């Protein structure tokens, strides 16, 4: 079983991120949304809706392209404390979890 953390931030290009994920052939993917306001999930502004639409498309693309299951979506690194991943792609992947 291979667990991968995919980090999405404002600078991420979703197509490149999905390509990186696919190259690693994970079984499960957790997505970390980095650099957004804590209330992004309930933000009803056009920007908030666009972000949620982007995430929905990204999660679907990950599952369709890789066959992996997206097991979760985190809004901060604090939510992932104690979790272990076999690989990390995207964002500031070198930063410690």
N, C-alpha and C. Protein backbone atom coordinates (compact mmCIF):
# COMPACT_ATOMS: atom_id res chain seq x y z
N UNK A 1 0.86 -1.17 0.00
CA UNK A 1 0.00 0.00 0.00
C UNK A 1 0.90 1.23 0.00
N UNK A 2 0.64 2.15 -0.89
CA UNK A 2 1.46 3.35 -1.00
C UNK A 2 0.60 4.58 -0.70
N UNK A 3 1.03 5.36 0.29
CA UNK A 3 0.32 6.58 0.68
C UNK A 3 1.10 7.79 0.22
N UNK A 4 0.42 8.72 -0.43
CA UNK A 4 1.06 9.90 -0.98
C UNK A 4 0.35 11.15 -0.47
N UNK A 5 1.13 12.16 -0.15
CA UNK A 5 0.59 13.47 0.21
C UNK A 5 0.80 14.40 -0.98
N UNK A 6 -0.28 14.97 -1.47
CA UNK A 6 -0.22 15.94 -2.56
C UNK A 6 -0.51 17.32 -1.99
N UNK A 7 0.44 18.22 -2.12
CA UNK A 7 0.30 19.56 -1.57
C UNK A 7 -0.12 20.52 -2.68
N UNK A 8 -1.24 21.17 -2.45
CA UNK A 8 -1.79 22.13 -3.41
C UNK A 8 -1.67 23.51 -2.79
N UNK A 9 -1.10 24.44 -3.54
CA UNK A 9 -1.07 25.82 -3.08
C UNK A 9 -1.46 26.72 -4.24
N UNK A 10 -1.41 28.01 -4.03
CA UNK A 10 -1.83 28.96 -5.07
C UNK A 10 -0.97 28.88 -6.31
N UNK A 11 0.26 28.43 -6.17
CA UNK A 11 1.18 28.38 -7.30
C UNK A 11 1.13 27.05 -8.05
N UNK A 12 0.44 26.08 -7.51
CA UNK A 12 0.39 24.76 -8.12
C UNK A 12 -0.35 24.79 -9.45
N UNK A 13 0.19 24.04 -10.39
CA UNK A 13 -0.50 23.78 -11.64
C UNK A 13 -1.08 22.38 -11.50
N UNK A 14 -2.39 22.29 -11.52
CA UNK A 14 -3.05 21.03 -11.22
C UNK A 14 -2.64 19.91 -12.18
N UNK A 15 -2.50 20.20 -13.46
CA UNK A 15 -2.12 19.17 -14.42
C UNK A 15 -0.74 18.60 -14.12
N UNK A 16 0.19 19.46 -13.77
CA UNK A 16 1.55 19.01 -13.42
C UNK A 16 1.50 18.18 -12.14
N UNK A 17 0.72 18.62 -11.17
CA UNK A 17 0.59 17.88 -9.91
C UNK A 17 0.02 16.49 -10.15
N UNK A 18 -1.01 16.39 -10.96
CA UNK A 18 -1.60 15.08 -11.26
C UNK A 18 -0.59 14.19 -11.98
N UNK A 19 0.20 14.78 -12.89
CA UNK A 19 1.26 14.02 -13.57
C UNK A 19 2.26 13.47 -12.56
N UNK A 20 2.68 14.29 -11.60
CA UNK A 20 3.63 13.85 -10.57
C UNK A 20 3.05 12.72 -9.73
N UNK A 21 1.78 12.86 -9.38
CA UNK A 21 1.12 11.82 -8.58
C UNK A 21 1.05 10.52 -9.37
N UNK A 22 0.65 10.60 -10.63
CA UNK A 22 0.51 9.40 -11.47
C UNK A 22 1.84 8.67 -11.62
N UNK A 23 2.94 9.40 -11.73
CA UNK A 23 4.25 8.77 -11.87
C UNK A 23 4.63 7.92 -10.67
N UNK A 24 4.06 8.22 -9.53
CA UNK A 24 4.42 7.50 -8.30
C UNK A 24 3.49 6.32 -7.99
N UNK A 25 2.42 6.15 -8.75
CA UNK A 25 1.52 5.00 -8.63
C UNK A 25 1.03 4.76 -7.20
N UNK A 26 0.46 5.77 -6.54
CA UNK A 26 0.00 5.56 -5.17
C UNK A 26 -1.30 4.76 -5.12
N UNK A 27 -1.56 4.18 -3.98
CA UNK A 27 -2.84 3.53 -3.73
C UNK A 27 -3.82 4.49 -3.07
N UNK A 28 -3.25 5.35 -2.21
CA UNK A 28 -4.08 6.34 -1.49
C UNK A 28 -3.40 7.70 -1.55
N UNK A 29 -4.22 8.74 -1.68
CA UNK A 29 -3.71 10.10 -1.77
C UNK A 29 -4.46 10.97 -0.76
N UNK A 30 -3.72 11.74 0.00
CA UNK A 30 -4.27 12.77 0.87
C UNK A 30 -3.85 14.10 0.26
N UNK A 31 -4.79 15.03 0.19
CA UNK A 31 -4.52 16.34 -0.40
C UNK A 31 -4.46 17.38 0.70
N UNK A 32 -3.39 18.15 0.70
CA UNK A 32 -3.20 19.25 1.64
C UNK A 32 -3.34 20.56 0.88
N UNK A 33 -4.30 21.36 1.27
CA UNK A 33 -4.51 22.68 0.69
C UNK A 33 -3.76 23.68 1.54
N UNK A 34 -2.69 24.22 1.00
CA UNK A 34 -1.82 25.09 1.77
C UNK A 34 -1.97 26.55 1.34
N UNK A 35 -1.90 27.44 2.32
CA UNK A 35 -1.87 28.87 2.03
C UNK A 35 -3.23 29.52 1.88
N UNK A 36 -4.28 28.87 2.28
CA UNK A 36 -5.62 29.45 2.19
C UNK A 36 -6.12 29.83 3.58
N UNK A 37 -7.12 30.66 3.61
CA UNK A 37 -7.73 31.07 4.87
C UNK A 37 -8.42 29.87 5.52
N UNK A 38 -8.48 29.85 6.84
CA UNK A 38 -9.10 28.72 7.53
C UNK A 38 -10.57 28.51 7.17
N UNK A 39 -11.25 29.55 6.73
CA UNK A 39 -12.68 29.44 6.41
C UNK A 39 -12.95 29.17 4.93
N UNK A 40 -11.96 28.68 4.18
CA UNK A 40 -12.10 28.49 2.74
C UNK A 40 -13.29 27.60 2.39
N UNK A 41 -13.59 26.63 3.22
CA UNK A 41 -14.67 25.69 2.91
C UNK A 41 -16.05 26.33 3.00
N UNK A 42 -16.18 27.39 3.76
CA UNK A 42 -17.48 28.05 3.89
C UNK A 42 -17.51 29.43 3.25
N UNK A 43 -16.44 29.81 2.58
CA UNK A 43 -16.35 31.10 1.91
C UNK A 43 -17.26 31.10 0.69
N UNK A 44 -18.29 31.94 0.71
CA UNK A 44 -19.25 32.00 -0.38
C UNK A 44 -18.93 33.07 -1.41
N UNK A 45 -17.76 33.67 -1.33
CA UNK A 45 -17.36 34.64 -2.34
C UNK A 45 -17.05 33.91 -3.65
N UNK A 46 -16.98 34.64 -4.76
CA UNK A 46 -16.60 33.99 -6.02
C UNK A 46 -15.26 33.26 -5.92
N UNK A 47 -14.32 33.83 -5.20
CA UNK A 47 -13.01 33.19 -5.03
C UNK A 47 -13.14 31.88 -4.26
N UNK A 48 -13.95 31.88 -3.21
CA UNK A 48 -14.16 30.67 -2.42
C UNK A 48 -14.82 29.57 -3.23
N UNK A 49 -15.83 29.94 -4.01
CA UNK A 49 -16.50 28.95 -4.86
C UNK A 49 -15.55 28.41 -5.93
N UNK A 50 -14.74 29.30 -6.50
CA UNK A 50 -13.77 28.87 -7.53
C UNK A 50 -12.75 27.90 -6.93
N UNK A 51 -12.32 28.16 -5.71
CA UNK A 51 -11.37 27.27 -5.05
C UNK A 51 -11.97 25.89 -4.83
N UNK A 52 -13.20 25.84 -4.36
CA UNK A 52 -13.86 24.55 -4.14
C UNK A 52 -14.08 23.81 -5.45
N UNK A 53 -14.42 24.55 -6.51
CA UNK A 53 -14.58 23.92 -7.83
C UNK A 53 -13.25 23.35 -8.31
N UNK A 54 -12.17 24.11 -8.09
CA UNK A 54 -10.83 23.63 -8.48
C UNK A 54 -10.49 22.35 -7.73
N UNK A 55 -10.74 22.34 -6.43
CA UNK A 55 -10.43 21.15 -5.62
C UNK A 55 -11.25 19.94 -6.06
N UNK A 56 -12.52 20.15 -6.34
CA UNK A 56 -13.37 19.04 -6.79
C UNK A 56 -12.85 18.45 -8.09
N UNK A 57 -12.47 19.32 -9.02
CA UNK A 57 -11.92 18.84 -10.29
C UNK A 57 -10.59 18.13 -10.08
N UNK A 58 -9.76 18.66 -9.19
CA UNK A 58 -8.46 18.05 -8.91
C UNK A 58 -8.63 16.67 -8.28
N UNK A 59 -9.49 16.54 -7.30
CA UNK A 59 -9.70 15.24 -6.64
C UNK A 59 -10.22 14.22 -7.64
N UNK A 60 -11.15 14.62 -8.50
CA UNK A 60 -11.67 13.71 -9.52
C UNK A 60 -10.56 13.31 -10.49
N UNK A 61 -9.73 14.26 -10.90
CA UNK A 61 -8.64 13.96 -11.84
C UNK A 61 -7.64 12.99 -11.22
N UNK A 62 -7.34 13.17 -9.95
CA UNK A 62 -6.40 12.27 -9.27
C UNK A 62 -6.95 10.85 -9.29
N UNK A 63 -8.21 10.69 -8.92
CA UNK A 63 -8.79 9.34 -8.87
C UNK A 63 -8.90 8.73 -10.26
N UNK A 64 -9.33 9.51 -11.24
CA UNK A 64 -9.50 8.98 -12.60
C UNK A 64 -8.16 8.61 -13.23
N UNK A 65 -7.19 9.47 -13.09
CA UNK A 65 -5.90 9.28 -13.77
C UNK A 65 -5.01 8.24 -13.09
N UNK A 66 -5.10 8.15 -11.78
CA UNK A 66 -4.17 7.28 -11.06
C UNK A 66 -4.79 5.97 -10.58
N UNK A 67 -6.10 5.94 -10.44
CA UNK A 67 -6.76 4.78 -9.86
C UNK A 67 -6.63 4.75 -8.34
N UNK A 68 -5.95 5.74 -7.78
CA UNK A 68 -5.80 5.84 -6.33
C UNK A 68 -7.09 6.37 -5.71
N UNK A 69 -7.25 6.10 -4.45
CA UNK A 69 -8.38 6.63 -3.69
C UNK A 69 -7.91 7.89 -2.97
N UNK A 70 -8.65 8.98 -3.12
CA UNK A 70 -8.36 10.18 -2.35
C UNK A 70 -9.03 9.98 -1.00
N UNK A 71 -8.20 9.86 0.04
CA UNK A 71 -8.72 9.50 1.36
C UNK A 71 -9.01 10.69 2.25
N UNK A 72 -8.52 11.87 1.86
CA UNK A 72 -8.77 13.01 2.71
C UNK A 72 -8.29 14.31 2.12
N UNK A 73 -8.79 15.38 2.71
CA UNK A 73 -8.42 16.74 2.34
C UNK A 73 -8.12 17.49 3.63
N UNK A 74 -6.90 18.00 3.75
CA UNK A 74 -6.50 18.74 4.95
C UNK A 74 -6.30 20.20 4.59
N UNK A 75 -6.60 21.06 5.54
CA UNK A 75 -6.44 22.50 5.32
C UNK A 75 -5.18 23.07 5.94
N UNK A 76 -4.47 22.26 6.73
CA UNK A 76 -3.23 22.73 7.34
C UNK A 76 -2.35 21.54 7.69
N UNK A 77 -1.06 21.81 7.82
CA UNK A 77 -0.11 20.76 8.20
C UNK A 77 -0.39 20.25 9.61
N UNK A 78 -0.95 21.10 10.46
CA UNK A 78 -1.27 20.67 11.83
C UNK A 78 -2.24 19.49 11.83
N UNK A 79 -3.14 19.45 10.87
CA UNK A 79 -4.11 18.35 10.80
C UNK A 79 -3.45 17.03 10.44
N UNK A 80 -2.22 17.08 9.94
CA UNK A 80 -1.53 15.87 9.51
C UNK A 80 -0.43 15.43 10.47
N UNK A 81 -0.34 16.08 11.60
CA UNK A 81 0.68 15.72 12.58
C UNK A 81 0.54 14.26 12.97
N UNK A 82 1.64 13.54 12.87
CA UNK A 82 1.64 12.12 13.21
C UNK A 82 1.32 11.20 12.05
N UNK A 83 0.85 11.74 10.94
CA UNK A 83 0.58 10.92 9.76
C UNK A 83 1.89 10.63 9.05
N UNK A 84 1.94 9.52 8.36
CA UNK A 84 3.13 9.14 7.60
C UNK A 84 2.74 8.91 6.14
N UNK A 85 3.61 9.39 5.26
CA UNK A 85 3.39 9.23 3.82
C UNK A 85 4.65 8.64 3.20
N UNK A 86 4.44 7.80 2.20
CA UNK A 86 5.57 7.22 1.49
C UNK A 86 6.21 8.24 0.56
N UNK A 87 5.41 9.14 0.03
CA UNK A 87 5.88 10.17 -0.88
C UNK A 87 5.11 11.46 -0.63
N UNK A 88 5.77 12.58 -0.98
CA UNK A 88 5.15 13.90 -0.91
C UNK A 88 5.45 14.60 -2.22
N UNK A 89 4.41 15.14 -2.86
CA UNK A 89 4.60 15.88 -4.11
C UNK A 89 3.90 17.22 -4.02
N UNK A 90 4.43 18.20 -4.77
CA UNK A 90 3.82 19.52 -4.86
C UNK A 90 4.17 20.42 -3.69
N UNK A 91 3.80 21.69 -3.83
CA UNK A 91 3.97 22.67 -2.77
C UNK A 91 5.38 22.72 -2.23
N UNK A 92 5.47 23.00 -0.98
CA UNK A 92 6.76 23.02 -0.29
C UNK A 92 7.02 21.66 0.31
N UNK A 93 7.16 20.66 -0.55
CA UNK A 93 7.25 19.26 -0.12
C UNK A 93 8.42 19.02 0.83
N UNK A 94 9.47 19.81 0.73
CA UNK A 94 10.65 19.59 1.58
C UNK A 94 10.43 20.02 3.02
N UNK A 95 9.43 20.83 3.26
CA UNK A 95 9.18 21.31 4.62
C UNK A 95 8.68 20.15 5.48
N UNK A 96 9.06 20.15 6.71
CA UNK A 96 8.68 19.07 7.62
C UNK A 96 7.20 19.11 7.93
N UNK A 97 6.62 17.94 8.03
CA UNK A 97 5.22 17.84 8.46
C UNK A 97 5.25 17.76 9.93
